[in-house]
């Protein structure tokens, strides 16, 4: 096997029954609603990195985001990578299969925005260890997920985010300005739950379009 695609094709027969499908360099859990869930296979020469990830599609983003999740760790070496040269390939595939089967339970359990919020934003130590009040992307996901789940809290969530945005040293950058623009757009509708829902629907469509997610997934 010479590529990551041929490796996760080896995994697919045992994952099909759970709803996983191959898409680009990912095994994606289908159907896709407001979350993109799966394993991303990132190949560098003879090393393969396998990321478990959950991406909330109602957070507008133009690229695949691996922030919410973790790399699978090869327990034989203790490293978050797998050697896929001819000498190590077969053993690595066996280890990856074992780890994917073990970790897929997290993806299956994270079936909606509420379970994403509970697992990846407020209760998972692996995630919280790398998230602080200074991580503005985390604050964005936190504010938008709370607003998505509880529209009546949107005004408060947006205000809290904007206060933290103002204290960020990178607020002059283009991507930071985009975050503020999105929040101000949501703020316009923060007292109208129907318009809030419409805004999130637009953002889900936008993110799916930018990620080129196809209807068959």
C-alpha atoms as a PDB file:
ATOM      1  CA  UNK A   1       0.000   0.000   0.000  1.00  0.00           C
ATOM      2  CA  UNK A   2       1.511   3.332  -1.072  1.00  0.00           C
ATOM      3  CA  UNK A   3      -0.943   5.932   0.210  1.00  0.00           C
ATOM      4  CA  UNK A   4      -3.178   6.719   3.127  1.00  0.00           C
ATOM      5  CA  UNK A   5      -6.225   6.097   0.946  1.00  0.00           C
ATOM      6  CA  UNK A   6      -5.240   2.474   0.444  1.00  0.00           C
ATOM      7  CA  UNK A   7      -4.731   2.145   4.197  1.00  0.00           C
ATOM      8  CA  UNK A   8      -8.147   3.379   5.229  1.00  0.00           C
ATOM      9  CA  UNK A   9      -9.753   1.266   2.565  1.00  0.00           C
ATOM     10  CA  UNK A  10      -8.477  -1.605   4.674  1.00  0.00           C
ATOM     11  CA  UNK A  11     -10.379  -0.142   7.603  1.00  0.00           C
ATOM     12  CA  UNK A  12     -13.642   0.561   5.815  1.00  0.00           C
ATOM     13  CA  UNK A  13     -15.181  -2.947   5.742  1.00  0.00           C
ATOM     14  CA  UNK A  14     -15.437  -3.018   9.533  1.00  0.00           C
ATOM     15  CA  UNK A  15     -16.594   0.617   9.774  1.00  0.00           C
ATOM     16  CA  UNK A  16     -19.260   0.657   7.062  1.00  0.00           C
ATOM     17  CA  UNK A  17     -21.887  -0.727   9.401  1.00  0.00           C
ATOM     18  CA  UNK A  18     -21.422   2.313  11.653  1.00  0.00           C
ATOM     19  CA  UNK A  19     -21.909   4.730   8.760  1.00  0.00           C
ATOM     20  CA  UNK A  20     -18.330   5.664   7.887  1.00  0.00           C
ATOM     21  CA  UNK A  21     -17.491   6.617   4.302  1.00  0.00           C
ATOM     22  CA  UNK A  22     -14.286   7.578   2.531  1.00  0.00           C
ATOM     23  CA  UNK A  23     -14.050  11.241   1.599  1.00  0.00           C
ATOM     24  CA  UNK A  24     -10.747  12.692   0.412  1.00  0.00           C
ATOM     25  CA  UNK A  25      -8.215  11.753   3.121  1.00  0.00           C
ATOM     26  CA  UNK A  26     -10.883  11.141   5.745  1.00  0.00           C
ATOM     27  CA  UNK A  27     -13.184   8.462   7.047  1.00  0.00           C
ATOM     28  CA  UNK A  28     -16.337  10.499   7.653  1.00  0.00           C
ATOM     29  CA  UNK A  29     -19.287   9.428   9.783  1.00  0.00           C
ATOM     30  CA  UNK A  30     -22.490   9.739   7.798  1.00  0.00           C
ATOM     31  CA  UNK A  31     -25.047  11.255   7.662  1.00  0.00           C
ATOM     32  CA  UNK A  32     -23.679  14.755   8.133  1.00  0.00           C
ATOM     33  CA  UNK A  33     -26.040  17.137   9.869  1.00  0.00           C
ATOM     34  CA  UNK A  34     -24.586  19.965  11.936  1.00  0.00           C
ATOM     35  CA  UNK A  35     -21.359  18.128  12.819  1.00  0.00           C
ATOM     36  CA  UNK A  36     -18.559  16.724  10.680  1.00  0.00           C
ATOM     37  CA  UNK A  37     -17.102  13.711  12.489  1.00  0.00           C
ATOM     38  CA  UNK A  38     -14.400  11.314  11.489  1.00  0.00           C
ATOM     39  CA  UNK A  39     -10.770  10.323  11.236  1.00  0.00           C
ATOM     40  CA  UNK A  40      -8.367  12.353   9.133  1.00  0.00           C
ATOM     41  CA  UNK A  41      -5.350  10.540   7.670  1.00  0.00           C
ATOM     42  CA  UNK A  42      -2.376  12.841   7.204  1.00  0.00           C
ATOM     43  CA  UNK A  43       0.556  11.218   5.389  1.00  0.00           C
ATOM     44  CA  UNK A  44       4.109  12.594   5.435  1.00  0.00           C
ATOM     45  CA  UNK A  45       6.626  10.427   3.610  1.00  0.00           C
ATOM     46  CA  UNK A  46       6.656   7.148   5.571  1.00  0.00           C
ATOM     47  CA  UNK A  47       4.756   8.534   8.565  1.00  0.00           C
ATOM     48  CA  UNK A  48       1.003   8.601   8.989  1.00  0.00           C
ATOM     49  CA  UNK A  49      -0.877  10.758  11.485  1.00  0.00           C
ATOM     50  CA  UNK A  50      -4.472   9.807  12.294  1.00  0.00           C
ATOM     51  CA  UNK A  51      -6.659  12.522  13.824  1.00  0.00           C
ATOM     52  CA  UNK A  52     -10.009  11.933  15.474  1.00  0.00           C
ATOM     53  CA  UNK A  53     -11.977  15.140  14.978  1.00  0.00           C
ATOM     54  CA  UNK A  54     -15.394  16.715  15.360  1.00  0.00           C
ATOM     55  CA  UNK A  55     -16.079  19.964  13.517  1.00  0.00           C
ATOM     56  CA  UNK A  56     -19.257  21.950  14.262  1.00  0.00           C
ATOM     57  CA  UNK A  57     -20.517  23.104  10.871  1.00  0.00           C
ATOM     58  CA  UNK A  58     -22.604  25.922  12.360  1.00  0.00           C
ATOM     59  CA  UNK A  59     -19.303  27.657  13.204  1.00  0.00           C
ATOM     60  CA  UNK A  60     -18.523  29.313   9.843  1.00  0.00           C
ATOM     61  CA  UNK A  61     -15.170  28.119   8.545  1.00  0.00           C
ATOM     62  CA  UNK A  62     -13.606  27.757   5.121  1.00  0.00           C
ATOM     63  CA  UNK A  63     -11.355  24.802   5.951  1.00  0.00           C
ATOM     64  CA  UNK A  64     -11.327  21.500   7.780  1.00  0.00           C
ATOM     65  CA  UNK A  65     -10.710  22.082  11.468  1.00  0.00           C
ATOM     66  CA  UNK A  66      -8.994  19.411  13.576  1.00  0.00           C
ATOM     67  CA  UNK A  67      -8.988  21.447  16.798  1.00  0.00           C
ATOM     68  CA  UNK A  68     -11.655  19.366  18.509  1.00  0.00           C
ATOM     69  CA  UNK A  69     -10.239  15.904  18.872  1.00  0.00           C
ATOM     70  CA  UNK A  70      -6.832  14.286  19.146  1.00  0.00           C
ATOM     71  CA  UNK A  71      -4.215  12.284  17.316  1.00  0.00           C
ATOM     72  CA  UNK A  72      -4.284   8.541  17.815  1.00  0.00           C
ATOM     73  CA  UNK A  73      -1.201   7.300  19.645  1.00  0.00           C
ATOM     74  CA  UNK A  74       0.678   4.163  18.673  1.00  0.00           C
ATOM     75  CA  UNK A  75       0.930   2.356  22.005  1.00  0.00           C
ATOM     76  CA  UNK A  76       3.932   0.380  20.815  1.00  0.00           C
ATOM     77  CA  UNK A  77       6.092   3.472  20.384  1.00  0.00           C
ATOM     78  CA  UNK A  78       4.183   5.983  22.490  1.00  0.00           C
ATOM     79  CA  UNK A  79       4.223   8.371  19.509  1.00  0.00           C
ATOM     80  CA  UNK A  80       1.290  10.018  17.749  1.00  0.00           C
ATOM     81  CA  UNK A  81       2.377   8.639  14.398  1.00  0.00           C
ATOM     82  CA  UNK A  82       2.538   5.355  12.514  1.00  0.00           C
ATOM     83  CA  UNK A  83       5.363   4.150  10.296  1.00  0.00           C
ATOM     84  CA  UNK A  84       4.072   2.972   6.924  1.00  0.00           C
ATOM     85  CA  UNK A  85       7.234   1.959   5.129  1.00  0.00           C
ATOM     86  CA  UNK A  86       7.364  -1.602   3.809  1.00  0.00           C
ATOM     87  CA  UNK A  87       8.922  -2.938   6.993  1.00  0.00           C
ATOM     88  CA  UNK A  88       6.324  -1.520   9.405  1.00  0.00           C
ATOM     89  CA  UNK A  89       3.183  -1.190   7.291  1.00  0.00           C
ATOM     90  CA  UNK A  90       1.329  -4.376   8.241  1.00  0.00           C
ATOM     91  CA  UNK A  91       1.901  -3.925  11.969  1.00  0.00           C
ATOM     92  CA  UNK A  92       0.848  -0.281  11.761  1.00  0.00           C
ATOM     93  CA  UNK A  93      -2.387  -1.158   9.971  1.00  0.00           C
ATOM     94  CA  UNK A  94      -3.225  -3.635  12.729  1.00  0.00           C
ATOM     95  CA  UNK A  95      -2.580  -0.992  15.400  1.00  0.00           C
ATOM     96  CA  UNK A  96      -4.563   1.667  13.535  1.00  0.00           C
ATOM     97  CA  UNK A  97      -7.505  -0.707  13.151  1.00  0.00           C
ATOM     98  CA  UNK A  98      -7.479  -1.380  16.882  1.00  0.00           C
ATOM     99  CA  UNK A  99      -7.295   2.304  17.799  1.00  0.00           C
ATOM    100  CA  UNK A 100      -9.947   3.384  15.307  1.00  0.00           C
ATOM    101  CA  UNK A 101     -12.309   0.726  16.628  1.00  0.00           C
ATOM    102  CA  UNK A 102     -11.661   1.934  20.178  1.00  0.00           C
ATOM    103  CA  UNK A 103     -11.967   5.655  19.439  1.00  0.00           C
ATOM    104  CA  UNK A 104     -14.936   5.507  17.089  1.00  0.00           C
ATOM    105  CA  UNK A 105     -17.126   5.220  20.187  1.00  0.00           C
ATOM    106  CA  UNK A 106     -16.452   8.884  20.920  1.00  0.00           C
ATOM    107  CA  UNK A 107     -17.563   9.880  17.428  1.00  0.00           C
ATOM    108  CA  UNK A 108     -20.692   7.734  17.565  1.00  0.00           C
ATOM    109  CA  UNK A 109     -21.605   9.205  20.943  1.00  0.00           C
ATOM    110  CA  UNK A 110     -21.079  12.783  19.708  1.00  0.00           C
ATOM    111  CA  UNK A 111     -24.203  12.751  17.586  1.00  0.00           C
ATOM    112  CA  UNK A 112     -25.414  16.339  17.972  1.00  0.00           C
ATOM    113  CA  UNK A 113     -24.416  19.815  19.124  1.00  0.00           C
ATOM    114  CA  UNK A 114     -25.333  19.090  22.745  1.00  0.00           C
ATOM    115  CA  UNK A 115     -23.051  16.074  22.979  1.00  0.00           C
ATOM    116  CA  UNK A 116     -20.313  18.072  21.219  1.00  0.00           C
ATOM    117  CA  UNK A 117     -20.741  20.819  23.816  1.00  0.00           C
ATOM    118  CA  UNK A 118     -20.644  18.351  26.710  1.00  0.00           C
ATOM    119  CA  UNK A 119     -17.695  16.312  25.452  1.00  0.00           C
ATOM    120  CA  UNK A 120     -15.457  18.768  23.633  1.00  0.00           C
ATOM    121  CA  UNK A 121     -16.181  22.167  25.166  1.00  0.00           C
ATOM    122  CA  UNK A 122     -16.822  21.700  28.876  1.00  0.00           C
ATOM    123  CA  UNK A 123     -15.895  18.242  30.127  1.00  0.00           C
ATOM    124  CA  UNK A 124     -13.092  16.584  28.183  1.00  0.00           C
ATOM    125  CA  UNK A 125      -9.709  16.966  29.898  1.00  0.00           C
ATOM    126  CA  UNK A 126      -7.764  16.288  26.685  1.00  0.00           C
ATOM    127  CA  UNK A 127      -9.435  19.256  25.064  1.00  0.00           C
ATOM    128  CA  UNK A 128      -9.560  21.630  28.007  1.00  0.00           C
ATOM    129  CA  UNK A 129      -5.847  21.190  28.633  1.00  0.00           C
ATOM    130  CA  UNK A 130      -5.231  23.121  25.417  1.00  0.00           C
ATOM    131  CA  UNK A 131      -8.052  25.650  25.721  1.00  0.00           C
ATOM    132  CA  UNK A 132      -7.983  28.847  27.733  1.00  0.00           C
ATOM    133  CA  UNK A 133      -9.798  32.156  27.811  1.00  0.00           C
ATOM    134  CA  UNK A 134      -7.076  33.447  25.490  1.00  0.00           C
ATOM    135  CA  UNK A 135      -7.930  30.922  22.764  1.00  0.00           C
ATOM    136  CA  UNK A 136     -10.302  33.035  20.704  1.00  0.00           C
ATOM    137  CA  UNK A 137     -11.250  30.181  18.367  1.00  0.00           C
ATOM    138  CA  UNK A 138     -12.345  28.146  21.362  1.00  0.00           C
ATOM    139  CA  UNK A 139     -14.339  31.127  22.633  1.00  0.00           C
ATOM    140  CA  UNK A 140     -15.983  31.422  19.221  1.00  0.00           C
ATOM    141  CA  UNK A 141     -17.035  27.773  19.218  1.00  0.00           C
ATOM    142  CA  UNK A 142     -18.190  28.049  22.824  1.00  0.00           C
ATOM    143  CA  UNK A 143     -20.331  31.147  22.206  1.00  0.00           C
ATOM    144  CA  UNK A 144     -21.837  29.858  18.972  1.00  0.00           C
ATOM    145  CA  UNK A 145     -22.566  26.384  20.322  1.00  0.00           C
ATOM    146  CA  UNK A 146     -24.348  27.821  23.374  1.00  0.00           C
ATOM    147  CA  UNK A 147     -26.334  30.123  21.100  1.00  0.00           C
ATOM    148  CA  UNK A 148     -27.135  27.282  18.704  1.00  0.00           C
ATOM    149  CA  UNK A 149     -28.421  25.140  21.571  1.00  0.00           C
ATOM    150  CA  UNK A 150     -30.018  27.886  23.644  1.00  0.00           C
ATOM    151  CA  UNK A 151     -30.990  30.794  21.350  1.00  0.00           C
ATOM    152  CA  UNK A 152     -32.343  32.809  24.252  1.00  0.00           C
ATOM    153  CA  UNK A 153     -28.771  33.182  25.552  1.00  0.00           C
ATOM    154  CA  UNK A 154     -27.392  34.555  22.277  1.00  0.00           C
ATOM    155  CA  UNK A 155     -27.168  38.220  23.310  1.00  0.00           C
ATOM    156  CA  UNK A 156     -25.166  37.349  26.415  1.00  0.00           C
ATOM    157  CA  UNK A 157     -22.951  34.872  24.556  1.00  0.00           C
ATOM    158  CA  UNK A 158     -22.109  37.383  21.835  1.00  0.00           C
ATOM    159  CA  UNK A 159     -21.325  40.144  24.339  1.00  0.00           C
ATOM    160  CA  UNK A 160     -19.024  37.858  26.320  1.00  0.00           C
ATOM    161  CA  UNK A 161     -17.205  36.852  23.149  1.00  0.00           C
ATOM    162  CA  UNK A 162     -16.793  40.461  21.979  1.00  0.00           C
ATOM    163  CA  UNK A 163     -15.323  41.454  25.332  1.00  0.00           C
ATOM    164  CA  UNK A 164     -12.697  38.717  25.002  1.00  0.00           C
ATOM    165  CA  UNK A 165     -12.138  39.637  21.361  1.00  0.00           C
ATOM    166  CA  UNK A 166     -11.320  43.214  22.365  1.00  0.00           C
ATOM    167  CA  UNK A 167      -8.589  41.950  24.721  1.00  0.00           C
ATOM    168  CA  UNK A 168      -6.936  39.772  22.072  1.00  0.00           C
ATOM    169  CA  UNK A 169      -3.632  41.077  20.748  1.00  0.00           C
ATOM    170  CA  UNK A 170      -4.397  39.739  17.263  1.00  0.00           C
ATOM    171  CA  UNK A 171      -7.666  41.603  16.811  1.00  0.00           C
ATOM    172  CA  UNK A 172      -6.257  43.659  13.955  1.00  0.00           C
ATOM    173  CA  UNK A 173      -5.685  40.609  11.747  1.00  0.00           C
ATOM    174  CA  UNK A 174      -7.989  39.758   8.863  1.00  0.00           C
ATOM    175  CA  UNK A 175      -9.236  36.485  10.328  1.00  0.00           C
ATOM    176  CA  UNK A 176      -9.975  38.148  13.666  1.00  0.00           C
ATOM    177  CA  UNK A 177     -11.978  40.832  11.912  1.00  0.00           C
ATOM    178  CA  UNK A 178     -13.984  38.083  10.235  1.00  0.00           C
ATOM    179  CA  UNK A 179     -14.795  36.579  13.639  1.00  0.00           C
ATOM    180  CA  UNK A 180     -16.064  39.934  14.858  1.00  0.00           C
ATOM    181  CA  UNK A 181     -18.111  40.481  11.701  1.00  0.00           C
ATOM    182  CA  UNK A 182     -19.815  37.119  12.161  1.00  0.00           C
ATOM    183  CA  UNK A 183     -20.604  37.830  15.797  1.00  0.00           C
ATOM    184  CA  UNK A 184     -21.991  41.273  14.984  1.00  0.00           C
ATOM    185  CA  UNK A 185     -24.143  39.667  12.306  1.00  0.00           C
ATOM    186  CA  UNK A 186     -25.549  37.270  14.887  1.00  0.00           C
ATOM    187  CA  UNK A 187     -26.008  40.129  17.367  1.00  0.00           C
ATOM    188  CA  UNK A 188     -28.440  41.806  14.975  1.00  0.00           C
ATOM    189  CA  UNK A 189     -30.802  38.865  15.463  1.00  0.00           C
ATOM    190  CA  UNK A 190     -30.070  38.038  19.072  1.00  0.00           C
ATOM    191  CA  UNK A 191     -33.616  38.779  20.251  1.00  0.00           C
ATOM    192  CA  UNK A 192     -35.290  36.823  17.452  1.00  0.00           C
ATOM    193  CA  UNK A 193     -34.920  33.034  17.789  1.00  0.00           C
ATOM    194  CA  UNK A 194     -36.260  32.416  14.277  1.00  0.00           C
ATOM    195  CA  UNK A 195     -33.638  34.678  12.700  1.00  0.00           C
ATOM    196  CA  UNK A 196     -30.953  33.120  14.900  1.00  0.00           C
ATOM    197  CA  UNK A 197     -31.884  29.699  13.528  1.00  0.00           C
ATOM    198  CA  UNK A 198     -31.811  31.047   9.982  1.00  0.00           C
ATOM    199  CA  UNK A 199     -28.338  32.499  10.543  1.00  0.00           C
ATOM    200  CA  UNK A 200     -26.997  29.173  11.779  1.00  0.00           C
ATOM    201  CA  UNK A 201     -28.600  27.371   8.838  1.00  0.00           C
ATOM    202  CA  UNK A 202     -26.758  29.755   6.500  1.00  0.00           C
ATOM    203  CA  UNK A 203     -23.468  29.095   8.276  1.00  0.00           C
ATOM    204  CA  UNK A 204     -23.915  25.324   8.066  1.00  0.00           C
ATOM    205  CA  UNK A 205     -24.520  25.665   4.323  1.00  0.00           C
ATOM    206  CA  UNK A 206     -21.516  27.964   3.951  1.00  0.00           C
ATOM    207  CA  UNK A 207     -19.142  25.614   5.781  1.00  0.00           C
ATOM    208  CA  UNK A 208     -20.385  22.566   3.879  1.00  0.00           C
ATOM    209  CA  UNK A 209     -19.882  24.436   0.619  1.00  0.00           C
ATOM    210  CA  UNK A 210     -16.351  25.556   1.460  1.00  0.00           C
ATOM    211  CA  UNK A 211     -15.397  22.039   2.570  1.00  0.00           C
ATOM    212  CA  UNK A 212     -16.945  20.704  -0.638  1.00  0.00           C
ATOM    213  CA  UNK A 213     -19.011  18.184   1.280  1.00  0.00           C
ATOM    214  CA  UNK A 214     -21.186  16.203  -1.094  1.00  0.00           C
ATOM    215  CA  UNK A 215     -24.829  15.279  -0.601  1.00  0.00           C
ATOM    216  CA  UNK A 216     -24.117  11.532  -0.641  1.00  0.00           C
ATOM    217  CA  UNK A 217     -22.177  11.730   2.616  1.00  0.00           C
END
